[in-house]
Amino acid sequence: GMARVYSFADNRTAVNDMLAIEAEARDARRGIWALTAYAVRNSDSARDFLDSFEIVEGVVLATDEVGGRAYLNFDEDWRTDFTVSVAPRDARKFRAEGIEPLDYAGLRIRVRGWLHNLNGPMIDVTHPEQIESLDR
């Protein structure tokens, strides 16, 4: 319970095992998981945690692809609300594993990464392990 999983696109070894260990610690509120500073954020409150590594959870309201980049939008106004972005080169990694980024529409997901501001709070995802589907 003393760490959050932080994976990299070029080193994804054992990430799923680490995610399972993290989930167990989080559910038991062990270590850092007892602290509000490390809480999983709701997509509605993501804007309050910009410029930090966060885990954000919510329902993907809609998806779209613009110029090969996939966007997962969590509310009506993509210009101000939380969004997940998947660059074309990174979307290929998803598709190589049988995951279509646009198929997250309507699903509750948990996404981890650096939260920045670009038309509202956004996390750029570079590999599939950054997104956990909570509905599958």
Protein backbone atom coordinates (compact mmCIF):
# COMPACT_ATOMS: atom_id res chain seq x y z
CA GLY A 1 0.00 0.00 0.00
CA MET A 2 2.95 2.35 -0.33
CA ALA A 3 2.85 3.04 -4.09
CA ARG A 4 0.70 3.75 -7.10
CA VAL A 5 1.35 1.89 -10.33
CA TYR A 6 3.14 4.11 -12.82
CA SER A 7 3.88 2.35 -16.07
CA PHE A 8 5.70 3.39 -19.21
CA ALA A 9 4.92 2.67 -22.86
CA ASP A 10 8.34 1.08 -23.35
CA ASN A 11 8.28 -0.98 -20.13
CA ARG A 12 4.97 -2.67 -19.43
CA THR A 13 6.36 -5.79 -17.75
CA ALA A 14 4.17 -7.09 -14.90
CA VAL A 15 1.92 -4.01 -14.95
CA ASN A 16 -1.25 -6.10 -14.68
CA ASP A 17 0.17 -7.94 -11.66
CA MET A 18 1.08 -4.62 -10.03
CA LEU A 19 -2.40 -3.22 -10.76
CA ALA A 20 -3.95 -6.19 -8.94
CA ILE A 21 -1.70 -5.60 -5.90
CA GLU A 22 -2.55 -1.89 -5.95
CA ALA A 23 -6.29 -2.64 -6.14
CA GLU A 24 -6.05 -4.92 -3.12
CA ALA A 25 -4.23 -2.25 -1.09
CA ARG A 26 -6.65 0.46 -2.25
CA ASP A 27 -9.69 -1.63 -1.31
CA ALA A 28 -8.19 -2.28 2.14
CA ARG A 29 -7.18 1.41 2.50
CA ARG A 30 -3.62 0.39 3.36
CA GLY A 31 -0.70 2.79 3.30
CA ILE A 32 -1.13 5.74 0.95
CA TRP A 33 -4.64 4.55 0.08
CA ALA A 34 -5.84 5.80 3.45
CA LEU A 35 -4.78 9.36 2.48
CA THR A 36 -7.02 11.71 0.51
CA ALA A 37 -3.97 12.98 -1.39
CA TYR A 38 -3.83 9.62 -3.20
CA ALA A 39 -7.55 9.04 -3.65
CA VAL A 40 -8.94 8.03 -7.01
CA ARG A 41 -10.43 11.21 -8.49
CA ASN A 42 -13.87 11.50 -9.99
CA SER A 43 -13.83 12.83 -13.56
CA ASP A 44 -15.99 15.77 -12.41
CA SER A 45 -13.27 16.97 -10.01
CA ALA A 46 -10.24 16.35 -12.24
CA ARG A 47 -9.70 20.06 -12.88
CA ASP A 48 -8.81 20.48 -9.20
CA PHE A 49 -5.71 18.29 -9.60
CA LEU A 50 -3.92 19.65 -12.68
CA ASP A 51 -0.18 19.18 -13.13
CA SER A 52 0.00 16.02 -11.07
CA PHE A 53 -0.05 12.27 -11.60
CA GLU A 54 -3.60 11.13 -10.88
CA ILE A 55 -5.95 8.20 -11.17
CA VAL A 56 -9.31 9.40 -12.52
CA GLU A 57 -12.51 7.39 -12.74
CA GLY A 58 -15.76 8.02 -14.57
CA VAL A 59 -18.11 7.02 -17.37
CA VAL A 60 -17.04 7.80 -20.93
CA LEU A 61 -19.96 9.77 -22.34
CA ALA A 62 -18.72 9.84 -25.94
CA THR A 63 -15.69 9.07 -28.08
CA ASP A 64 -14.40 10.60 -31.27
CA GLU A 65 -11.42 10.39 -33.57
CA VAL A 66 -9.93 13.54 -35.03
CA GLY A 67 -6.87 13.32 -37.28
CA GLY A 68 -6.24 9.78 -36.05
CA ARG A 69 -6.23 10.84 -32.38
CA ALA A 70 -8.87 9.17 -30.21
CA TYR A 71 -10.68 11.21 -27.57
CA LEU A 72 -12.67 9.81 -24.67
CA ASN A 73 -14.98 12.51 -23.32
CA PHE A 74 -16.57 12.33 -19.89
CA ASP A 75 -19.17 15.07 -20.18
CA GLU A 76 -21.13 17.16 -22.68
CA ASP A 77 -18.56 19.91 -23.29
CA TRP A 78 -15.21 18.51 -24.45
CA ARG A 79 -13.79 22.04 -24.34
CA THR A 80 -13.98 22.20 -20.55
CA ASP A 81 -14.55 18.71 -19.15
CA PHE A 82 -12.22 15.79 -18.47
CA THR A 83 -10.91 14.02 -21.57
CA VAL A 84 -8.53 11.16 -22.30
CA SER A 85 -6.43 11.49 -25.45
CA VAL A 86 -4.78 8.64 -27.38
CA ALA A 87 -2.33 9.68 -30.12
CA PRO A 88 -2.43 7.74 -33.42
CA ARG A 89 0.86 5.88 -32.73
CA ASP A 90 -0.43 4.90 -29.28
CA ALA A 91 -3.86 3.85 -30.59
CA ARG A 92 -1.99 1.30 -32.71
CA LYS A 93 -0.73 -0.32 -29.48
CA PHE A 94 -4.30 -0.64 -28.26
CA ARG A 95 -5.51 -2.11 -31.54
CA ALA A 96 -2.59 -4.58 -31.66
CA GLU A 97 -3.99 -5.97 -28.39
CA GLY A 98 -7.54 -6.10 -29.71
CA ILE A 99 -8.68 -2.93 -27.95
CA GLU A 100 -10.44 -0.23 -29.94
CA PRO A 101 -10.14 3.08 -28.02
CA LEU A 102 -13.47 4.31 -29.38
CA ASP A 103 -15.20 1.27 -27.85
CA TYR A 104 -14.83 2.76 -24.35
CA ALA A 105 -17.96 4.87 -25.00
CA GLY A 106 -20.54 4.21 -22.31
CA LEU A 107 -18.11 2.32 -20.06
CA ARG A 108 -16.92 3.21 -16.58
CA ILE A 109 -13.13 3.37 -16.66
CA ARG A 110 -10.21 4.24 -14.44
CA VAL A 111 -7.33 6.04 -16.15
CA ARG A 112 -3.93 6.97 -14.73
CA GLY A 113 -1.42 9.53 -15.90
CA TRP A 114 -0.31 13.14 -15.75
CA LEU A 115 -3.28 15.48 -15.64
CA HIS A 116 -2.78 18.66 -17.64
CA ASN A 117 -5.00 21.38 -19.04
CA LEU A 118 -5.85 21.36 -22.75
CA ASN A 119 -9.46 22.32 -23.41
CA GLY A 120 -10.12 21.23 -19.83
CA PRO A 121 -8.39 18.57 -17.76
CA MET A 122 -6.80 15.85 -19.90
CA ILE A 123 -4.66 12.75 -19.57
CA ASP A 124 -2.66 11.61 -22.60
CA VAL A 125 -2.59 7.82 -22.63
CA THR A 126 0.33 6.04 -24.30
CA HIS A 127 -0.43 2.36 -23.62
CA PRO A 128 -3.42 0.14 -22.77
CA GLU A 129 -2.45 -0.53 -19.15
CA GLN A 130 -3.20 3.10 -18.30
CA ILE A 131 -6.91 2.40 -18.73
CA GLU A 132 -8.82 -0.10 -16.63
CA SER A 133 -12.36 -0.91 -17.71
CA LEU A 134 -14.52 -1.26 -14.62
CA ASP A 135 -17.44 -2.69 -16.62
CA ARG A 136 -15.68 -5.63 -18.27
